[in-house]
C-alpha atoms as a PDB file:
ATOM      1  CA  MET A   1      -0.227  14.364 -14.849  1.00  0.00           C
ATOM      2  CA  SER A   2       0.876  14.572 -11.537  1.00  0.00           C
ATOM      3  CA  VAL A   3       0.062  10.784  -9.711  1.00  0.00           C
ATOM      4  CA  PRO A   4      -0.085  12.160  -5.867  1.00  0.00           C
ATOM      5  CA  ILE A   5       0.921   9.488  -2.770  1.00  0.00           C
ATOM      6  CA  ASN A   6      -2.453   8.254  -2.285  1.00  0.00           C
ATOM      7  CA  TYR A   7      -1.666   5.553   0.298  1.00  0.00           C
ATOM      8  CA  ILE A   8       0.791   4.143   2.515  1.00  0.00           C
ATOM      9  CA  GLU A   9       0.841   0.611   4.084  1.00  0.00           C
ATOM     10  CA  PHE A  10       2.869  -0.942   6.833  1.00  0.00           C
ATOM     11  CA  LYS A  11       3.242  -4.452   8.025  1.00  0.00           C
ATOM     12  CA  SER A  12       2.095  -5.698  11.074  1.00  0.00           C
ATOM     13  CA  THR A  13       2.912  -8.829  13.449  1.00  0.00           C
ATOM     14  CA  ASP A  14      -0.095  -8.383  15.438  1.00  0.00           C
ATOM     15  CA  LEU A  15      -2.980  -6.234  14.165  1.00  0.00           C
ATOM     16  CA  GLN A  16      -4.990  -6.357  17.151  1.00  0.00           C
ATOM     17  CA  LYS A  17      -2.225  -4.359  19.038  1.00  0.00           C
ATOM     18  CA  THR A  18      -1.440  -2.440  16.224  1.00  0.00           C
ATOM     19  CA  LYS A  19      -4.755  -1.366  16.364  1.00  0.00           C
ATOM     20  CA  ALA A  20      -4.364  -0.604  19.556  1.00  0.00           C
ATOM     21  CA  PHE A  21      -1.350   1.425  19.908  1.00  0.00           C
ATOM     22  CA  TYR A  22      -2.637   3.814  17.121  1.00  0.00           C
ATOM     23  CA  SER A  23      -5.779   4.317  17.788  1.00  0.00           C
ATOM     24  CA  GLU A  24      -4.866   5.119  21.114  1.00  0.00           C
ATOM     25  CA  ALA A  25      -1.328   7.091  20.705  1.00  0.00           C
ATOM     26  CA  PHE A  26      -2.354   8.685  17.605  1.00  0.00           C
ATOM     27  CA  GLY A  27      -6.884   8.523  17.289  1.00  0.00           C
ATOM     28  CA  TRP A  28      -6.924   6.887  14.143  1.00  0.00           C
ATOM     29  CA  SER A  29     -10.009   4.900  13.160  1.00  0.00           C
ATOM     30  CA  PHE A  30      -9.530   1.446  11.467  1.00  0.00           C
ATOM     31  CA  THR A  31     -11.816  -0.813   9.181  1.00  0.00           C
ATOM     32  CA  ASP A  32     -11.238  -4.301   9.192  1.00  0.00           C
ATOM     33  CA  TYR A  33     -11.020  -6.177   5.583  1.00  0.00           C
ATOM     34  CA  GLY A  34     -10.711  -9.534   6.829  1.00  0.00           C
ATOM     35  CA  PRO A  35      -8.541 -11.776   9.121  1.00  0.00           C
ATOM     36  CA  THR A  36      -5.052  -9.950   7.332  1.00  0.00           C
ATOM     37  CA  TYR A  37      -5.801  -6.463   6.794  1.00  0.00           C
ATOM     38  CA  THR A  38      -6.693  -3.239   8.106  1.00  0.00           C
ATOM     39  CA  ALA A  39      -6.955  -0.462   6.861  1.00  0.00           C
ATOM     40  CA  PHE A  40      -6.809   3.495   9.205  1.00  0.00           C
ATOM     41  CA  SER A  41      -7.790   7.217   8.478  1.00  0.00           C
ATOM     42  CA  ASP A  42      -7.897  10.107  10.839  1.00  0.00           C
ATOM     43  CA  SER A  43      -4.564  10.172  10.435  1.00  0.00           C
ATOM     44  CA  GLY A  44      -4.007  13.083   7.593  1.00  0.00           C
ATOM     45  CA  LEU A  45      -3.000  10.199   4.591  1.00  0.00           C
ATOM     46  CA  GLU A  46      -4.696   6.965   4.476  1.00  0.00           C
ATOM     47  CA  GLY A  47      -3.299   3.659   4.740  1.00  0.00           C
ATOM     48  CA  GLY A  48      -3.330   0.082   6.111  1.00  0.00           C
ATOM     49  CA  PHE A  49      -1.743  -2.758   7.805  1.00  0.00           C
ATOM     50  CA  GLU A  50      -1.026  -6.577   6.283  1.00  0.00           C
ATOM     51  CA  LEU A  51      -0.488  -8.879   8.865  1.00  0.00           C
ATOM     52  CA  THR A  52       2.622 -10.837   8.441  1.00  0.00           C
ATOM     53  CA  GLN A  53       4.719 -13.517  10.221  1.00  0.00           C
ATOM     54  CA  GLU A  54       7.687 -12.448   8.589  1.00  0.00           C
ATOM     55  CA  PRO A  55      10.307 -10.031  10.422  1.00  0.00           C
ATOM     56  CA  ILE A  56       9.109  -6.679   9.078  1.00  0.00           C
ATOM     57  CA  TYR A  57      12.315  -4.656   7.383  1.00  0.00           C
ATOM     58  CA  LYS A  58      10.390  -2.284   5.248  1.00  0.00           C
ATOM     59  CA  GLY A  59       8.163  -0.658   6.907  1.00  0.00           C
ATOM     60  CA  ALA A  60       6.069   0.813   4.604  1.00  0.00           C
ATOM     61  CA  LEU A  61       4.802   0.724   1.262  1.00  0.00           C
ATOM     62  CA  VAL A  62       4.060   4.381  -0.493  1.00  0.00           C
ATOM     63  CA  VAL A  63       0.642   3.834  -2.871  1.00  0.00           C
ATOM     64  CA  LEU A  64       0.271   5.998  -5.798  1.00  0.00           C
ATOM     65  CA  HIS A  65      -2.942   6.169  -7.504  1.00  0.00           C
ATOM     66  CA  HIS A  66      -3.367   6.287 -11.495  1.00  0.00           C
ATOM     67  CA  GLU A  67      -6.537   5.417 -13.549  1.00  0.00           C
ATOM     68  CA  GLN A  68      -4.884   3.724 -16.217  1.00  0.00           C
ATOM     69  CA  LEU A  69      -2.996   0.783 -14.652  1.00  0.00           C
ATOM     70  CA  GLU A  70      -1.914  -0.852 -17.599  1.00  0.00           C
ATOM     71  CA  MET A  71      -0.439   2.217 -19.083  1.00  0.00           C
ATOM     72  CA  ILE A  72       1.058   3.765 -16.244  1.00  0.00           C
ATOM     73  CA  LYS A  73       2.596   0.064 -15.818  1.00  0.00           C
ATOM     74  CA  ALA A  74       4.052   0.378 -19.252  1.00  0.00           C
ATOM     75  CA  LYS A  75       5.754   3.590 -18.160  1.00  0.00           C
ATOM     76  CA  VAL A  76       7.194   2.347 -15.315  1.00  0.00           C
ATOM     77  CA  ILE A  77       8.900  -0.373 -16.842  1.00  0.00           C
ATOM     78  CA  GLY A  78      10.335   2.051 -19.480  1.00  0.00           C
ATOM     79  CA  LEU A  79      11.798   3.991 -18.047  1.00  0.00           C
ATOM     80  CA  GLY A  80      13.735   1.763 -15.731  1.00  0.00           C
ATOM     81  CA  GLY A  81      11.674   0.140 -13.200  1.00  0.00           C
ATOM     82  CA  THR A  82      11.115  -3.815 -12.132  1.00  0.00           C
ATOM     83  CA  ILE A  83       7.703  -5.298 -11.461  1.00  0.00           C
ATOM     84  CA  ALA A  84       8.008  -6.984  -8.034  1.00  0.00           C
ATOM     85  CA  LEU A  85       4.460  -7.794  -8.243  1.00  0.00           C
ATOM     86  CA  ASP A  86       2.354  -8.113 -11.028  1.00  0.00           C
ATOM     87  CA  ILE A  87      -1.343  -6.533 -11.498  1.00  0.00           C
ATOM     88  CA  PHE A  88      -3.884  -8.168  -8.862  1.00  0.00           C
ATOM     89  CA  SER A  89      -7.807  -7.422  -7.628  1.00  0.00           C
ATOM     90  CA  PHE A  90      -7.960  -6.711  -4.307  1.00  0.00           C
ATOM     91  CA  PRO A  91     -11.498  -5.026  -2.571  1.00  0.00           C
ATOM     92  CA  GLY A  92     -12.108  -2.183  -4.062  1.00  0.00           C
ATOM     93  CA  GLY A  93      -9.321  -2.272  -7.013  1.00  0.00           C
ATOM     94  CA  ARG A  94      -6.349  -3.883  -8.813  1.00  0.00           C
ATOM     95  CA  ARG A  95      -2.766  -2.494  -8.032  1.00  0.00           C
ATOM     96  CA  PHE A  96       0.948  -3.343  -8.543  1.00  0.00           C
ATOM     97  CA  HIS A  97       4.201  -3.572  -7.015  1.00  0.00           C
ATOM     98  CA  PHE A  98       7.033  -1.850  -8.746  1.00  0.00           C
ATOM     99  CA  LEU A  99      10.953  -1.806  -7.504  1.00  0.00           C
ATOM    100  CA  ASP A 100      12.313   2.263  -9.152  1.00  0.00           C
ATOM    101  CA  PRO A 101      15.488   2.237 -10.428  1.00  0.00           C
ATOM    102  CA  SER A 102      17.382   2.165  -6.831  1.00  0.00           C
ATOM    103  CA  GLY A 103      15.284  -0.423  -5.518  1.00  0.00           C
ATOM    104  CA  ASN A 104      12.772   1.347  -3.587  1.00  0.00           C
ATOM    105  CA  GLU A 105       9.415  -0.625  -3.678  1.00  0.00           C
ATOM    106  CA  LEU A 106       5.913   1.155  -4.178  1.00  0.00           C
ATOM    107  CA  ALA A 107       2.813   0.749  -5.601  1.00  0.00           C
ATOM    108  CA  ILE A 108       0.306   1.880  -7.660  1.00  0.00           C
ATOM    109  CA  TRP A 109      -3.750   1.081  -7.704  1.00  0.00           C
ATOM    110  CA  SER A 110      -6.903   2.036  -9.576  1.00  0.00           C
ATOM    111  CA  GLU A 111     -10.523   1.267  -8.875  1.00  0.00           C
ATOM    112  CA  GLU A 112     -10.611  -0.490 -12.436  1.00  0.00           C
END
């Protein structure tokens, strides 16, 4: 079974400026989920921006989707991936972050 790229996340040091920039420059639409997160659409691939006070050195988080989160987590570990952030809940589902064998961080989410 193929696991598609489903979502991409960026960091932002100022959500209002970020939203203004991307909506004016590229016509993206935004939906706020609390004071520290905004999701974007109308970009060809959905994603979001998370507010951070830390310097941004990894600009994007690629998010995959899988319906069986625990099963795919075990598979990732079995193939040499390292869990960077264990399964947690967020509005709309659950997800975890992992590092691939080269150190790239990705996430996988599920509605369940």
